[in-house]
């Protein structure tokens, strides 16, 4: 394994301590396996993470920010292979430039019916990224960690049900749901989190609710893209 930057060492050392909330455990029979790539890089604005924004035409989770990823296909050699394949298909990145840091605990998303394995990687040799599949991905962004942990960019968002969950205003996006919940854990484990006003609560914008078709609960239960939208289990 090659050397990683010093700022990433605490995350690799603490990755096995990632806490899984109770509602993300214990999948039911029939839950579909999926994987997402949590890719750490070092760009012009310092350490960053790779995020995508889903196309607004998708049947589920339309327009939502997410980590690259999708369903584990029968031909995939496990979550790592699936996460790298999906990331390449969605963003055009070269998997050869990614060093795997850790396979994180599996998360069960009852709302979507997926068992999602986050795969953490270090972008040792970055390549150009873009919306490689416009039918599924609207945009791709390398979001600086400094922007994510800026206290002014953190808030809780409340769904019509009244449930509130963490969110981020970063990369020109409102990052919420499953992605924001996982980001919160990742930033804590890496030691990057800063104190922020946890009493700040805002309603999910109407345009987001409209895209979600009124089905989203805002409880962190949004995950990989759906089979109808992707044309395969994902």
Protein backbone atom coordinates (compact mmCIF):
# COMPACT_ATOMS: atom_id res chain seq x y z
CA UNK A 1 0.00 0.00 0.00
CA UNK A 2 1.40 3.38 -0.98
CA UNK A 3 1.78 6.31 1.36
CA UNK A 4 -1.27 8.50 1.91
CA UNK A 5 -1.24 12.18 2.94
CA UNK A 6 -0.95 12.90 6.64
CA UNK A 7 -4.37 14.59 6.77
CA UNK A 8 -5.99 11.31 5.75
CA UNK A 9 -4.20 9.08 8.27
CA UNK A 10 -6.67 9.69 11.15
CA UNK A 11 -9.55 8.66 8.92
CA UNK A 12 -7.88 5.41 7.83
CA UNK A 13 -6.98 4.64 11.44
CA UNK A 14 -10.50 5.30 12.69
CA UNK A 15 -12.58 3.97 9.78
CA UNK A 16 -13.39 0.73 11.60
CA UNK A 17 -14.99 2.81 14.35
CA UNK A 18 -17.64 4.27 12.05
CA UNK A 19 -20.90 4.23 13.97
CA UNK A 20 -23.97 2.77 12.29
CA UNK A 21 -27.24 4.23 13.63
CA UNK A 22 -29.78 1.60 14.70
CA UNK A 23 -32.20 2.44 11.88
CA UNK A 24 -29.48 1.63 9.31
CA UNK A 25 -28.87 -1.90 10.63
CA UNK A 26 -30.49 -5.31 10.27
CA UNK A 27 -31.65 -5.63 6.66
CA UNK A 28 -34.77 -7.57 5.83
CA UNK A 29 -34.71 -10.58 3.47
CA UNK A 30 -34.54 -9.52 -0.14
CA UNK A 31 -32.58 -6.30 0.42
CA UNK A 32 -30.48 -5.57 -2.66
CA UNK A 33 -26.69 -5.20 -2.30
CA UNK A 34 -25.10 -1.95 -3.46
CA UNK A 35 -21.89 0.00 -2.96
CA UNK A 36 -20.83 3.65 -3.06
CA UNK A 37 -17.37 5.13 -3.48
CA UNK A 38 -16.27 7.64 -0.84
CA UNK A 39 -13.34 9.13 -2.71
CA UNK A 40 -10.93 11.47 -0.95
CA UNK A 41 -8.74 13.64 -3.14
CA UNK A 42 -6.50 16.66 -2.90
CA UNK A 43 -7.46 19.43 -5.31
CA UNK A 44 -6.64 23.07 -5.83
CA UNK A 45 -8.66 23.99 -2.71
CA UNK A 46 -7.18 21.30 -0.50
CA UNK A 47 -8.62 17.93 0.60
CA UNK A 48 -11.93 17.12 -1.05
CA UNK A 49 -14.60 14.49 -1.66
CA UNK A 50 -16.16 13.45 -4.96
CA UNK A 51 -19.94 13.89 -5.20
CA UNK A 52 -22.43 13.62 -8.02
CA UNK A 53 -25.85 15.18 -8.50
CA UNK A 54 -28.43 12.83 -9.94
CA UNK A 55 -30.34 13.70 -13.08
CA UNK A 56 -33.73 15.29 -12.46
CA UNK A 57 -35.32 12.78 -14.85
CA UNK A 58 -34.70 9.74 -12.63
CA UNK A 59 -37.68 7.93 -11.17
CA UNK A 60 -36.26 7.93 -7.64
CA UNK A 61 -33.96 10.36 -5.80
CA UNK A 62 -34.08 12.73 -8.77
CA UNK A 63 -31.73 15.70 -8.49
CA UNK A 64 -30.19 14.53 -5.23
CA UNK A 65 -26.48 14.81 -4.41
CA UNK A 66 -24.84 11.45 -3.75
CA UNK A 67 -21.65 9.47 -3.69
CA UNK A 68 -20.98 7.65 -6.96
CA UNK A 69 -22.31 4.13 -6.75
CA UNK A 70 -25.02 1.63 -7.48
CA UNK A 71 -26.02 -2.00 -7.37
CA UNK A 72 -23.54 -4.85 -7.08
CA UNK A 73 -23.88 -6.82 -10.32
CA UNK A 74 -23.35 -10.61 -10.50
CA UNK A 75 -20.11 -10.04 -12.39
CA UNK A 76 -18.64 -7.75 -9.73
CA UNK A 77 -16.03 -9.20 -7.39
CA UNK A 78 -17.70 -7.64 -4.35
CA UNK A 79 -18.39 -4.09 -3.13
CA UNK A 80 -14.98 -2.65 -4.03
CA UNK A 81 -15.24 -3.71 -7.66
CA UNK A 82 -18.84 -2.50 -7.87
CA UNK A 83 -18.05 0.90 -6.33
CA UNK A 84 -15.14 1.47 -8.72
CA UNK A 85 -17.10 0.31 -11.76
CA UNK A 86 -20.08 2.51 -10.95
CA UNK A 87 -17.87 5.52 -10.26
CA UNK A 88 -16.15 5.06 -13.61
CA UNK A 89 -19.48 4.76 -15.42
CA UNK A 90 -20.91 7.84 -13.71
CA UNK A 91 -17.91 10.19 -13.56
CA UNK A 92 -15.36 8.87 -16.05
CA UNK A 93 -12.64 8.47 -13.40
CA UNK A 94 -9.85 5.93 -13.91
CA UNK A 95 -10.13 3.23 -11.19
CA UNK A 96 -6.40 2.52 -11.56
CA UNK A 97 -5.68 5.82 -9.81
CA UNK A 98 -7.74 4.94 -6.71
CA UNK A 99 -6.22 3.28 -3.66
CA UNK A 100 -8.74 1.57 -1.39
CA UNK A 101 -8.47 2.69 2.23
CA UNK A 102 -11.27 0.76 3.90
CA UNK A 103 -14.51 -1.09 3.35
CA UNK A 104 -16.91 0.52 5.81
CA UNK A 105 -19.80 -1.17 7.65
CA UNK A 106 -22.83 -2.04 5.58
CA UNK A 107 -25.83 0.26 5.90
CA UNK A 108 -29.40 -0.85 5.38
CA UNK A 109 -31.78 1.64 3.79
CA UNK A 110 -35.31 0.44 4.51
CA UNK A 111 -36.88 3.20 2.41
CA UNK A 112 -34.97 2.11 -0.71
CA UNK A 113 -34.54 -1.60 0.05
CA UNK A 114 -30.74 -1.61 -0.34
CA UNK A 115 -27.81 -2.96 1.66
CA UNK A 116 -25.17 -0.32 0.91
CA UNK A 117 -21.45 -0.83 1.51
CA UNK A 118 -19.44 2.42 1.49
CA UNK A 119 -15.94 1.92 0.05
CA UNK A 120 -13.41 4.58 1.05
CA UNK A 121 -10.58 5.40 -1.32
CA UNK A 122 -7.64 7.77 -1.79
CA UNK A 123 -7.44 9.41 -5.22
CA UNK A 124 -3.74 8.78 -5.66
CA UNK A 125 -3.73 9.75 -9.35
CA UNK A 126 -6.71 12.02 -10.11
CA UNK A 127 -8.20 12.13 -13.58
CA UNK A 128 -10.72 14.46 -15.15
CA UNK A 129 -14.29 13.77 -14.05
CA UNK A 130 -17.56 14.75 -15.68
CA UNK A 131 -21.18 13.62 -16.02
CA UNK A 132 -20.27 10.51 -18.00
CA UNK A 133 -23.85 9.24 -18.09
CA UNK A 134 -26.14 12.27 -18.51
CA UNK A 135 -29.20 10.07 -18.20
CA UNK A 136 -28.28 9.41 -14.58
CA UNK A 137 -25.85 12.15 -13.57
CA UNK A 138 -26.48 15.88 -13.94
CA UNK A 139 -23.12 17.06 -12.60
CA UNK A 140 -19.96 15.99 -10.80
CA UNK A 141 -18.18 18.03 -8.13
CA UNK A 142 -15.04 17.79 -6.05
CA UNK A 143 -16.26 19.38 -2.84
CA UNK A 144 -13.57 20.69 -0.45
CA UNK A 145 -13.72 19.23 3.05
CA UNK A 146 -13.16 22.75 4.37
CA UNK A 147 -16.41 23.80 2.72
CA UNK A 148 -18.30 20.86 4.18
CA UNK A 149 -17.14 21.53 7.75
CA UNK A 150 -17.64 25.31 7.58
CA UNK A 151 -20.21 25.91 10.37
CA UNK A 152 -22.23 28.31 8.22
CA UNK A 153 -22.75 25.51 5.67
CA UNK A 154 -24.24 23.03 8.12
CA UNK A 155 -27.88 22.68 9.12
CA UNK A 156 -30.70 20.23 9.72
CA UNK A 157 -33.45 19.85 7.15
CA UNK A 158 -37.01 18.95 8.07
CA UNK A 159 -39.35 16.88 5.91
CA UNK A 160 -43.14 17.30 5.85
CA UNK A 161 -43.35 14.45 8.38
CA UNK A 162 -41.50 16.67 10.85
CA UNK A 163 -38.35 14.55 10.92
CA UNK A 164 -35.12 16.59 10.86
CA UNK A 165 -31.71 15.29 9.79
CA UNK A 166 -28.25 16.74 9.01
CA UNK A 167 -27.55 18.52 5.74
CA UNK A 168 -24.80 20.53 4.06
CA UNK A 169 -24.84 23.52 1.73
CA UNK A 170 -21.72 22.83 -0.30
CA UNK A 171 -20.57 22.45 -3.87
CA UNK A 172 -23.53 24.53 -4.99
CA UNK A 173 -25.86 21.81 -3.68
CA UNK A 174 -28.02 21.03 -0.68
CA UNK A 175 -26.62 17.68 0.42
CA UNK A 176 -29.17 15.80 2.54
CA UNK A 177 -30.58 12.34 3.22
CA UNK A 178 -28.37 9.26 3.27
CA UNK A 179 -25.42 11.10 1.76
CA UNK A 180 -25.46 13.82 4.42
CA UNK A 181 -25.84 11.26 7.20
CA UNK A 182 -22.84 9.30 5.96
CA UNK A 183 -20.84 12.50 5.42
CA UNK A 184 -21.47 13.47 9.04
CA UNK A 185 -19.98 10.19 10.23
CA UNK A 186 -17.01 10.41 7.85
CA UNK A 187 -16.09 13.93 8.92
CA UNK A 188 -16.32 12.96 12.58
CA UNK A 189 -14.12 9.88 12.13
CA UNK A 190 -11.52 11.88 10.20
CA UNK A 191 -11.37 14.52 12.93
CA UNK A 192 -12.37 17.30 10.53
CA UNK A 193 -15.72 18.31 12.03
CA UNK A 194 -16.08 21.72 13.61
CA UNK A 195 -18.71 22.89 16.11
CA UNK A 196 -21.85 24.16 14.38
CA UNK A 197 -25.31 25.32 15.30
CA UNK A 198 -27.22 22.05 15.61
CA UNK A 199 -30.39 23.98 16.47
CA UNK A 200 -30.54 25.40 12.94
CA UNK A 201 -33.47 23.66 11.25
CA UNK A 202 -34.94 24.53 7.85
CA UNK A 203 -37.69 22.90 5.82
CA UNK A 204 -36.68 20.94 2.75
CA UNK A 205 -37.17 23.31 -0.20
CA UNK A 206 -40.34 22.73 -2.18
CA UNK A 207 -38.40 22.10 -5.39
CA UNK A 208 -36.65 19.17 -3.72
CA UNK A 209 -39.92 17.76 -2.45
CA UNK A 210 -41.39 18.12 -5.94
CA UNK A 211 -38.49 16.17 -7.47
CA UNK A 212 -38.85 13.51 -4.81
CA UNK A 213 -42.49 13.15 -5.71
CA UNK A 214 -43.50 13.77 -2.11
CA UNK A 215 -42.10 10.39 -1.08
CA UNK A 216 -38.91 11.47 0.68
CA UNK A 217 -38.93 11.44 4.46
CA UNK A 218 -35.72 13.44 4.91
CA UNK A 219 -34.51 10.81 7.37
CA UNK A 220 -31.29 9.82 5.68
CA UNK A 221 -32.91 6.88 3.89
CA UNK A 222 -31.93 7.74 0.35
CA UNK A 223 -29.28 5.65 -1.32
CA UNK A 224 -28.07 4.35 -4.68
CA UNK A 225 -30.06 4.99 -7.79
CA UNK A 226 -33.08 2.79 -8.40
CA UNK A 227 -33.40 -0.07 -10.85
CA UNK A 228 -36.11 1.63 -12.95
CA UNK A 229 -33.97 4.72 -13.36
CA UNK A 230 -30.74 2.88 -14.05
CA UNK A 231 -32.10 0.12 -16.19
CA UNK A 232 -30.59 -2.48 -13.84
CA UNK A 233 -30.32 -3.23 -10.17
CA UNK A 234 -28.39 -0.30 -8.74
